[in-house]
N, C-alpha and C. Protein backbone atom coordinates (compact mmCIF):
# COMPACT_ATOMS: atom_id res chain seq x y z
N MET A 1 10.16 -49.70 62.03
CA MET A 1 8.79 -49.29 62.24
C MET A 1 8.80 -47.79 62.57
N GLY A 2 7.80 -47.11 62.07
CA GLY A 2 7.58 -45.71 62.41
C GLY A 2 6.14 -45.54 62.87
N ILE A 3 5.89 -44.40 63.48
CA ILE A 3 4.56 -44.14 64.00
C ILE A 3 4.07 -42.81 63.44
N THR A 4 2.80 -42.77 63.03
CA THR A 4 2.17 -41.52 62.62
C THR A 4 1.06 -41.21 63.62
N ALA A 5 1.02 -39.97 64.08
CA ALA A 5 -0.04 -39.51 64.95
C ALA A 5 -0.90 -38.53 64.19
N LEU A 6 -2.13 -38.90 63.88
CA LEU A 6 -3.05 -38.02 63.19
C LEU A 6 -3.81 -37.21 64.24
N VAL A 7 -3.67 -35.88 64.17
CA VAL A 7 -4.29 -34.98 65.13
C VAL A 7 -5.54 -34.38 64.46
N LYS A 8 -6.71 -34.63 65.10
CA LYS A 8 -7.99 -34.19 64.55
C LYS A 8 -8.69 -33.34 65.61
N PRO A 9 -9.62 -32.50 65.18
CA PRO A 9 -10.41 -31.78 66.16
C PRO A 9 -11.27 -32.78 66.95
N TRP A 10 -11.45 -32.49 68.19
CA TRP A 10 -12.31 -33.34 69.03
C TRP A 10 -13.59 -32.56 69.26
N SER A 11 -14.71 -33.16 68.99
CA SER A 11 -15.98 -32.42 69.04
C SER A 11 -16.94 -32.97 70.06
N GLY A 12 -16.51 -33.86 70.91
CA GLY A 12 -17.44 -34.45 71.88
C GLY A 12 -17.54 -33.63 73.14
N VAL A 13 -18.25 -34.17 74.10
CA VAL A 13 -18.40 -33.56 75.42
C VAL A 13 -17.63 -34.43 76.38
N GLN A 14 -16.83 -33.79 77.20
CA GLN A 14 -16.00 -34.50 78.18
C GLN A 14 -16.60 -34.32 79.58
N ARG A 15 -16.60 -35.39 80.34
CA ARG A 15 -17.05 -35.31 81.73
C ARG A 15 -15.85 -35.45 82.65
N LEU A 16 -15.72 -34.50 83.54
CA LEU A 16 -14.58 -34.49 84.45
C LEU A 16 -15.10 -34.73 85.88
N PRO A 17 -14.39 -35.50 86.70
CA PRO A 17 -14.82 -35.70 88.09
C PRO A 17 -14.77 -34.36 88.84
N ASP A 18 -15.73 -34.18 89.73
CA ASP A 18 -15.77 -32.98 90.54
C ASP A 18 -14.90 -33.19 91.78
N PRO A 19 -13.72 -32.56 91.85
CA PRO A 19 -12.83 -32.80 92.99
C PRO A 19 -13.39 -32.33 94.32
N ALA A 20 -14.39 -31.45 94.28
CA ALA A 20 -14.97 -30.94 95.52
C ALA A 20 -16.07 -31.84 96.08
N SER A 21 -16.42 -32.87 95.34
CA SER A 21 -17.49 -33.74 95.77
C SER A 21 -17.05 -34.66 96.92
N ASP A 22 -17.98 -34.86 97.88
CA ASP A 22 -17.72 -35.79 99.00
C ASP A 22 -18.00 -37.22 98.63
N LEU A 23 -18.55 -37.46 97.45
CA LEU A 23 -18.90 -38.81 97.03
C LEU A 23 -17.66 -39.61 96.67
N GLU A 24 -17.78 -40.90 96.66
CA GLU A 24 -16.67 -41.75 96.21
C GLU A 24 -16.35 -41.37 94.76
N GLN A 25 -15.13 -41.57 94.35
CA GLN A 25 -14.67 -41.13 93.05
C GLN A 25 -15.58 -41.59 91.92
N ASN A 26 -16.04 -42.84 91.90
CA ASN A 26 -16.85 -43.34 90.84
C ASN A 26 -18.28 -42.79 90.86
N ASP A 27 -18.70 -42.17 91.96
CA ASP A 27 -20.09 -41.70 92.08
C ASP A 27 -20.22 -40.18 91.93
N ARG A 28 -19.10 -39.49 91.73
CA ARG A 28 -19.17 -38.03 91.62
C ARG A 28 -19.91 -37.61 90.37
N GLU A 29 -20.73 -36.58 90.51
CA GLU A 29 -21.38 -36.02 89.36
C GLU A 29 -20.34 -35.18 88.62
N ALA A 30 -20.21 -35.37 87.33
CA ALA A 30 -19.18 -34.68 86.57
C ALA A 30 -19.81 -33.60 85.69
N PRO A 31 -19.33 -32.38 85.81
CA PRO A 31 -19.85 -31.31 84.93
C PRO A 31 -19.37 -31.56 83.50
N ALA A 32 -20.21 -31.23 82.56
CA ALA A 32 -19.85 -31.41 81.14
C ALA A 32 -19.01 -30.22 80.70
N GLN A 33 -17.99 -30.49 79.90
CA GLN A 33 -17.19 -29.44 79.26
C GLN A 33 -17.38 -29.59 77.77
N SER A 34 -17.85 -28.56 77.12
CA SER A 34 -18.07 -28.61 75.70
C SER A 34 -16.76 -28.42 74.98
N ALA A 35 -16.62 -29.14 73.86
CA ALA A 35 -15.42 -29.04 73.05
C ALA A 35 -15.41 -27.80 72.17
N ASP A 36 -16.50 -27.03 72.18
CA ASP A 36 -16.51 -25.83 71.34
C ASP A 36 -16.15 -24.57 72.13
N ASP A 37 -15.51 -24.72 73.26
CA ASP A 37 -15.03 -23.57 74.05
C ASP A 37 -14.01 -22.80 73.22
N PRO A 38 -14.26 -21.55 72.89
CA PRO A 38 -13.36 -20.79 72.02
C PRO A 38 -11.99 -20.50 72.65
N ASP A 39 -11.86 -20.67 73.96
CA ASP A 39 -10.60 -20.41 74.63
C ASP A 39 -9.72 -21.64 74.75
N ARG A 40 -10.20 -22.79 74.32
CA ARG A 40 -9.45 -24.03 74.47
C ARG A 40 -9.36 -24.75 73.11
N LEU A 41 -8.27 -25.45 72.93
CA LEU A 41 -8.07 -26.31 71.76
C LEU A 41 -8.31 -27.74 72.21
N HIS A 42 -9.26 -28.40 71.59
CA HIS A 42 -9.61 -29.79 71.90
C HIS A 42 -9.24 -30.64 70.70
N ILE A 43 -8.36 -31.62 70.92
CA ILE A 43 -7.97 -32.49 69.82
C ILE A 43 -8.01 -33.94 70.24
N SER A 44 -8.10 -34.83 69.26
CA SER A 44 -7.94 -36.26 69.52
C SER A 44 -6.84 -36.74 68.61
N VAL A 45 -6.18 -37.83 69.04
CA VAL A 45 -5.03 -38.37 68.30
C VAL A 45 -5.26 -39.84 68.06
N ARG A 46 -5.05 -40.24 66.80
CA ARG A 46 -5.13 -41.65 66.43
C ARG A 46 -3.76 -42.07 65.88
N LEU A 47 -3.24 -43.17 66.38
CA LEU A 47 -1.90 -43.63 66.03
C LEU A 47 -1.97 -44.72 64.96
N THR A 48 -0.96 -44.71 64.10
CA THR A 48 -0.77 -45.70 63.04
C THR A 48 0.68 -46.14 63.07
N ALA A 49 0.87 -47.46 63.03
CA ALA A 49 2.22 -48.02 62.91
C ALA A 49 2.51 -48.27 61.45
N LEU A 50 3.66 -47.76 60.99
CA LEU A 50 4.08 -47.97 59.61
C LEU A 50 5.14 -49.06 59.67
N ILE A 51 4.77 -50.23 59.19
CA ILE A 51 5.62 -51.41 59.30
C ILE A 51 6.26 -51.66 57.91
N GLU A 52 7.57 -51.86 57.93
CA GLU A 52 8.26 -52.11 56.66
C GLU A 52 7.69 -53.37 56.00
N ASP A 53 7.44 -53.29 54.71
CA ASP A 53 6.93 -54.41 53.90
C ASP A 53 5.58 -54.94 54.38
N ALA A 54 4.78 -54.09 55.00
CA ALA A 54 3.43 -54.51 55.45
C ALA A 54 2.49 -53.30 55.39
N ALA A 55 1.22 -53.59 55.43
CA ALA A 55 0.23 -52.51 55.45
C ALA A 55 0.29 -51.76 56.77
N PRO A 56 0.00 -50.46 56.77
CA PRO A 56 -0.06 -49.72 58.00
C PRO A 56 -1.11 -50.31 58.93
N VAL A 57 -0.88 -50.21 60.23
CA VAL A 57 -1.83 -50.70 61.24
C VAL A 57 -2.28 -49.52 62.09
N THR A 58 -3.57 -49.27 62.12
CA THR A 58 -4.13 -48.13 62.83
C THR A 58 -4.99 -48.60 63.98
N SER A 59 -4.95 -47.88 65.09
CA SER A 59 -5.81 -48.17 66.23
C SER A 59 -7.25 -48.15 65.76
N ASP A 60 -8.11 -48.93 66.42
CA ASP A 60 -9.52 -48.98 66.03
C ASP A 60 -10.35 -47.81 66.54
N ARG A 61 -9.75 -46.96 67.33
CA ARG A 61 -10.42 -45.74 67.83
C ARG A 61 -9.34 -44.74 68.22
N ASP A 62 -9.78 -43.54 68.56
CA ASP A 62 -8.80 -42.53 68.96
C ASP A 62 -8.01 -43.05 70.17
N ASP A 63 -6.72 -42.75 70.19
CA ASP A 63 -5.88 -43.25 71.26
C ASP A 63 -5.92 -42.35 72.49
N PHE A 64 -6.04 -41.04 72.28
CA PHE A 64 -6.16 -40.12 73.42
C PHE A 64 -6.62 -38.76 72.93
N GLY A 65 -7.03 -37.96 73.89
CA GLY A 65 -7.43 -36.59 73.58
C GLY A 65 -6.65 -35.64 74.44
N ILE A 66 -6.57 -34.41 73.97
CA ILE A 66 -5.87 -33.35 74.71
C ILE A 66 -6.73 -32.09 74.63
N SER A 67 -6.83 -31.40 75.73
CA SER A 67 -7.51 -30.12 75.79
C SER A 67 -6.55 -29.12 76.42
N MET A 68 -6.33 -28.01 75.74
CA MET A 68 -5.35 -27.04 76.23
C MET A 68 -5.81 -25.63 75.91
N PRO A 69 -5.38 -24.65 76.70
CA PRO A 69 -5.70 -23.26 76.38
C PRO A 69 -5.13 -22.88 75.03
N ARG A 70 -5.79 -21.98 74.37
CA ARG A 70 -5.32 -21.48 73.05
C ARG A 70 -4.29 -20.38 73.19
N HIS A 71 -4.26 -19.69 74.30
CA HIS A 71 -3.33 -18.56 74.41
C HIS A 71 -2.89 -18.35 75.86
N GLY A 72 -1.82 -17.60 76.02
CA GLY A 72 -1.29 -17.29 77.35
C GLY A 72 -0.23 -18.30 77.77
N LEU A 73 0.24 -18.13 78.99
CA LEU A 73 1.28 -19.02 79.53
C LEU A 73 0.84 -20.48 79.60
N ALA A 74 -0.43 -20.71 79.91
CA ALA A 74 -0.93 -22.07 80.05
C ALA A 74 -0.95 -22.82 78.71
N ALA A 75 -0.87 -22.11 77.61
CA ALA A 75 -0.82 -22.77 76.29
C ALA A 75 0.56 -23.35 76.01
N ILE A 76 1.54 -22.99 76.80
CA ILE A 76 2.89 -23.56 76.66
C ILE A 76 2.87 -24.86 77.43
N TRP A 77 2.86 -26.00 76.73
CA TRP A 77 2.68 -27.28 77.40
C TRP A 77 3.84 -27.62 78.29
N HIS A 78 5.03 -27.47 77.82
CA HIS A 78 6.21 -27.88 78.62
C HIS A 78 7.28 -26.80 78.65
N ARG A 79 7.66 -26.31 77.50
CA ARG A 79 8.71 -25.30 77.41
C ARG A 79 8.45 -24.39 76.22
N TYR A 80 8.79 -23.14 76.39
CA TYR A 80 8.67 -22.19 75.27
C TYR A 80 9.84 -22.39 74.34
N ARG A 81 9.58 -22.53 73.04
CA ARG A 81 10.65 -22.81 72.07
C ARG A 81 10.86 -21.68 71.06
N GLY A 82 10.27 -20.57 71.30
CA GLY A 82 10.43 -19.46 70.35
C GLY A 82 11.67 -18.63 70.64
N ALA A 83 11.83 -17.58 69.85
CA ALA A 83 12.97 -16.65 70.06
C ALA A 83 12.74 -15.85 71.32
N ARG A 84 13.86 -15.46 71.92
CA ARG A 84 13.76 -14.61 73.11
C ARG A 84 13.05 -13.31 72.75
N LEU A 85 12.13 -12.91 73.57
CA LEU A 85 11.36 -11.71 73.31
C LEU A 85 12.01 -10.49 73.91
N THR A 86 12.78 -10.70 75.01
CA THR A 86 13.50 -9.63 75.69
C THR A 86 14.53 -10.29 76.60
N GLU A 87 15.51 -9.51 77.01
CA GLU A 87 16.52 -10.05 77.90
C GLU A 87 16.05 -10.10 79.36
N ASP A 88 14.97 -9.39 79.66
CA ASP A 88 14.44 -9.33 81.03
C ASP A 88 13.44 -10.47 81.22
N PRO A 89 13.74 -11.45 82.08
CA PRO A 89 12.84 -12.60 82.27
C PRO A 89 11.44 -12.21 82.72
N THR A 90 11.32 -11.19 83.55
CA THR A 90 10.01 -10.78 84.04
C THR A 90 9.19 -10.22 82.89
N LYS A 91 9.80 -9.38 82.07
CA LYS A 91 9.09 -8.82 80.91
C LYS A 91 8.75 -9.93 79.90
N GLU A 92 9.65 -10.89 79.74
CA GLU A 92 9.39 -11.97 78.80
C GLU A 92 8.16 -12.80 79.25
N THR A 93 8.08 -13.07 80.55
CA THR A 93 6.93 -13.81 81.08
C THR A 93 5.65 -13.05 80.81
N GLU A 94 5.68 -11.74 81.02
CA GLU A 94 4.47 -10.93 80.78
C GLU A 94 4.11 -10.92 79.29
N LEU A 95 5.12 -10.78 78.42
CA LEU A 95 4.85 -10.81 77.00
C LEU A 95 4.25 -12.14 76.56
N LEU A 96 4.77 -13.25 77.08
CA LEU A 96 4.22 -14.56 76.77
C LEU A 96 2.78 -14.68 77.30
N ARG A 97 2.55 -14.19 78.50
CA ARG A 97 1.20 -14.27 79.10
C ARG A 97 0.21 -13.55 78.17
N ARG A 98 0.60 -12.42 77.62
CA ARG A 98 -0.31 -11.63 76.77
C ARG A 98 -0.37 -12.09 75.32
N ASN A 99 0.75 -12.63 74.79
CA ASN A 99 0.84 -12.82 73.35
C ASN A 99 1.01 -14.25 72.85
N HIS A 100 1.39 -15.20 73.70
CA HIS A 100 1.64 -16.54 73.19
C HIS A 100 0.36 -17.19 72.71
N ARG A 101 0.44 -17.83 71.57
CA ARG A 101 -0.68 -18.58 70.98
C ARG A 101 -0.22 -20.01 70.79
N VAL A 102 -1.08 -20.96 71.11
CA VAL A 102 -0.73 -22.37 71.00
C VAL A 102 -0.24 -22.65 69.58
N GLY A 103 0.79 -23.47 69.46
CA GLY A 103 1.35 -23.80 68.16
C GLY A 103 1.84 -25.23 68.11
N MET A 104 2.45 -25.58 67.03
CA MET A 104 2.92 -26.94 66.81
C MET A 104 3.86 -27.43 67.91
N PRO A 105 4.82 -26.61 68.39
CA PRO A 105 5.69 -27.10 69.45
C PRO A 105 4.90 -27.49 70.71
N ASP A 106 3.84 -26.75 71.03
CA ASP A 106 3.03 -27.08 72.18
C ASP A 106 2.29 -28.40 71.99
N LEU A 107 1.76 -28.61 70.77
CA LEU A 107 1.08 -29.90 70.46
C LEU A 107 2.10 -31.04 70.53
N GLN A 108 3.30 -30.82 69.98
CA GLN A 108 4.33 -31.88 70.00
C GLN A 108 4.65 -32.26 71.45
N ASP A 109 4.81 -31.26 72.31
CA ASP A 109 5.10 -31.56 73.71
C ASP A 109 3.98 -32.35 74.36
N ALA A 110 2.72 -31.95 74.08
CA ALA A 110 1.57 -32.64 74.67
C ALA A 110 1.51 -34.09 74.21
N ILE A 111 1.70 -34.30 72.93
CA ILE A 111 1.65 -35.67 72.39
C ILE A 111 2.81 -36.48 72.90
N ASN A 112 3.99 -35.92 72.92
CA ASN A 112 5.15 -36.65 73.46
C ASN A 112 4.95 -37.03 74.91
N GLN A 113 4.32 -36.17 75.69
CA GLN A 113 4.05 -36.51 77.10
C GLN A 113 3.10 -37.68 77.21
N MET A 114 2.02 -37.66 76.43
CA MET A 114 1.05 -38.75 76.50
C MET A 114 1.62 -40.10 76.05
N LEU A 115 2.68 -40.03 75.24
CA LEU A 115 3.30 -41.25 74.74
C LEU A 115 4.58 -41.61 75.45
N GLY A 116 4.98 -40.82 76.48
CA GLY A 116 6.18 -41.12 77.25
C GLY A 116 7.45 -40.93 76.47
N ARG A 117 7.43 -40.04 75.49
CA ARG A 117 8.60 -39.86 74.60
C ARG A 117 9.57 -38.79 75.06
N ASP A 118 9.23 -38.02 76.06
CA ASP A 118 10.09 -36.92 76.51
C ASP A 118 10.49 -37.17 77.96
N PRO A 119 11.72 -37.57 78.21
CA PRO A 119 12.11 -37.89 79.60
C PRO A 119 12.13 -36.67 80.52
N GLU A 120 12.06 -35.46 80.00
CA GLU A 120 12.04 -34.27 80.84
C GLU A 120 10.65 -33.98 81.37
N GLN A 121 9.63 -34.58 80.80
CA GLN A 121 8.26 -34.31 81.24
C GLN A 121 7.77 -35.39 82.20
N HIS A 122 6.82 -34.98 83.02
CA HIS A 122 6.14 -35.95 83.89
C HIS A 122 5.50 -37.02 83.03
N ARG A 123 5.66 -38.25 83.40
CA ARG A 123 5.11 -39.37 82.63
C ARG A 123 3.77 -39.79 83.24
N PRO A 124 2.69 -39.81 82.43
CA PRO A 124 1.41 -40.22 82.98
C PRO A 124 1.49 -41.67 83.48
N PRO A 125 0.63 -42.04 84.45
CA PRO A 125 0.68 -43.38 85.01
C PRO A 125 0.41 -44.46 83.96
N ARG A 126 -0.33 -44.12 82.94
CA ARG A 126 -0.62 -45.08 81.85
C ARG A 126 -0.41 -44.33 80.55
N LEU A 127 0.49 -44.85 79.74
CA LEU A 127 0.76 -44.24 78.45
C LEU A 127 -0.35 -44.60 77.48
N SER A 128 -0.40 -43.90 76.32
CA SER A 128 -1.52 -44.05 75.39
C SER A 128 -1.21 -44.96 74.21
N TRP A 129 -0.42 -45.98 74.43
CA TRP A 129 -0.09 -46.92 73.38
C TRP A 129 -1.01 -48.14 73.32
N GLY A 130 -1.87 -48.34 74.27
CA GLY A 130 -2.65 -49.56 74.38
C GLY A 130 -3.44 -49.97 73.17
N HIS A 131 -4.16 -49.06 72.56
CA HIS A 131 -4.98 -49.40 71.38
C HIS A 131 -4.12 -49.83 70.21
N LEU A 132 -2.97 -49.14 70.02
CA LEU A 132 -2.11 -49.51 68.91
C LEU A 132 -1.43 -50.85 69.16
N ILE A 133 -1.02 -51.10 70.40
CA ILE A 133 -0.43 -52.41 70.73
C ILE A 133 -1.44 -53.51 70.45
N ASP A 134 -2.71 -53.31 70.83
CA ASP A 134 -3.76 -54.29 70.55
C ASP A 134 -3.96 -54.49 69.05
N ALA A 135 -3.99 -53.39 68.29
CA ALA A 135 -4.17 -53.51 66.84
C ALA A 135 -3.02 -54.25 66.20
N LEU A 136 -1.81 -53.98 66.66
CA LEU A 136 -0.65 -54.70 66.15
C LEU A 136 -0.72 -56.19 66.47
N ALA A 137 -1.14 -56.51 67.71
CA ALA A 137 -1.26 -57.89 68.13
C ALA A 137 -2.29 -58.63 67.26
N ASN A 138 -3.34 -57.94 66.87
CA ASN A 138 -4.41 -58.54 66.04
C ASN A 138 -3.91 -58.95 64.66
N VAL A 139 -2.77 -58.36 64.22
CA VAL A 139 -2.20 -58.75 62.90
C VAL A 139 -0.91 -59.53 63.11
N GLY A 140 -0.68 -60.01 64.33
CA GLY A 140 0.46 -60.86 64.59
C GLY A 140 1.78 -60.16 64.86
N VAL A 141 1.74 -58.87 65.21
CA VAL A 141 2.96 -58.12 65.48
C VAL A 141 3.03 -57.86 66.98
N ALA A 142 4.00 -58.48 67.63
CA ALA A 142 4.19 -58.23 69.08
C ALA A 142 5.16 -57.06 69.24
N VAL A 143 4.78 -56.11 70.05
CA VAL A 143 5.60 -54.92 70.25
C VAL A 143 5.43 -54.43 71.68
N THR A 144 6.46 -53.82 72.23
CA THR A 144 6.40 -53.26 73.58
C THR A 144 6.21 -51.75 73.53
N GLU A 145 5.78 -51.19 74.63
CA GLU A 145 5.67 -49.72 74.71
C GLU A 145 7.02 -49.08 74.40
N GLN A 146 8.08 -49.64 74.95
CA GLN A 146 9.40 -49.04 74.75
C GLN A 146 9.83 -49.05 73.29
N GLU A 147 9.48 -50.10 72.55
CA GLU A 147 9.78 -50.14 71.12
C GLU A 147 9.02 -49.05 70.39
N LEU A 148 7.77 -48.80 70.79
CA LEU A 148 6.99 -47.73 70.16
C LEU A 148 7.53 -46.36 70.56
N ILE A 149 7.93 -46.20 71.81
CA ILE A 149 8.51 -44.93 72.26
C ILE A 149 9.76 -44.62 71.46
N ASP A 150 10.55 -45.64 71.18
CA ASP A 150 11.83 -45.46 70.46
C ASP A 150 11.66 -45.27 68.95
N ALA A 151 10.50 -45.62 68.42
CA ALA A 151 10.26 -45.50 66.96
C ALA A 151 10.11 -44.05 66.56
N PRO A 152 10.52 -43.71 65.33
CA PRO A 152 10.31 -42.34 64.85
C PRO A 152 8.82 -41.99 64.84
N LEU A 153 8.52 -40.75 65.18
CA LEU A 153 7.11 -40.28 65.22
C LEU A 153 6.94 -39.11 64.27
N ILE A 154 5.90 -39.21 63.46
CA ILE A 154 5.51 -38.14 62.55
C ILE A 154 4.14 -37.65 63.03
N ILE A 155 4.00 -36.36 63.25
CA ILE A 155 2.73 -35.79 63.69
C ILE A 155 2.08 -35.11 62.45
N GLU A 156 0.89 -35.55 62.12
CA GLU A 156 0.15 -34.99 60.98
C GLU A 156 -1.07 -34.27 61.54
N LEU A 157 -1.28 -33.04 61.08
CA LEU A 157 -2.43 -32.27 61.51
C LEU A 157 -3.52 -32.34 60.45
N ALA A 158 -4.73 -32.66 60.89
CA ALA A 158 -5.87 -32.59 59.97
C ALA A 158 -6.05 -31.12 59.56
N PRO A 159 -6.60 -30.86 58.37
CA PRO A 159 -6.77 -29.47 57.91
C PRO A 159 -7.52 -28.59 58.94
N ALA A 160 -8.51 -29.14 59.60
CA ALA A 160 -9.27 -28.34 60.58
C ALA A 160 -8.39 -27.94 61.77
N VAL A 161 -7.46 -28.77 62.18
CA VAL A 161 -6.56 -28.42 63.26
C VAL A 161 -5.56 -27.36 62.79
N LYS A 162 -5.06 -27.51 61.56
CA LYS A 162 -4.17 -26.49 61.01
C LYS A 162 -4.87 -25.13 61.00
N ALA A 163 -6.15 -25.13 60.62
CA ALA A 163 -6.90 -23.88 60.56
C ALA A 163 -7.07 -23.30 61.97
N GLN A 164 -7.31 -24.16 62.97
CA GLN A 164 -7.47 -23.68 64.34
C GLN A 164 -6.17 -23.10 64.86
N LEU A 165 -5.04 -23.71 64.52
CA LEU A 165 -3.76 -23.16 64.95
C LEU A 165 -3.46 -21.82 64.30
N ALA A 166 -3.89 -21.65 63.04
CA ALA A 166 -3.71 -20.40 62.35
C ALA A 166 -4.63 -19.32 62.88
N ASP A 167 -5.72 -19.71 63.50
CA ASP A 167 -6.72 -18.76 64.01
C ASP A 167 -6.78 -18.87 65.54
N THR A 168 -5.69 -18.53 66.21
CA THR A 168 -5.65 -18.65 67.66
C THR A 168 -5.70 -17.27 68.31
N GLY A 169 -6.34 -16.34 67.65
CA GLY A 169 -6.47 -15.01 68.22
C GLY A 169 -7.32 -15.01 69.48
N PRO A 170 -7.27 -13.92 70.23
CA PRO A 170 -8.03 -13.85 71.49
C PRO A 170 -9.50 -13.93 71.30
């Protein structure tokens, strides 16, 4: 079995809890964050299981979303994977702060974190395999999170996401 992650632009509005609120967590008023913020990349990911000798099985809805800065140090999700920019670590940090643009390695790290595929990254309390596991169960395929984590993963970018990555200027 293999897994395909289709990465699409996310165009909805996200509501985030207000951490400064004195209200109980479920009662906090959440400010809206628009997905058209030019400084952030907003994507959604839908997973498909590619089963040998069977039709592909796709989740019935997006499995998770990611929002990340388009440039600067914060756009580096886990680790910088490019060529060394200078031998001086302080200068390199400053160059990355000014010049780094989000790219495929950053998206790969973000997706791998959400799916628990990178043991070097913090693992979220709940991985994003639930919808795919349910879809597989609906066609009679029992699978565990660990089996999905261990399966090969192919990340496919929708044309609009490819265009956004190519246009990550300030």
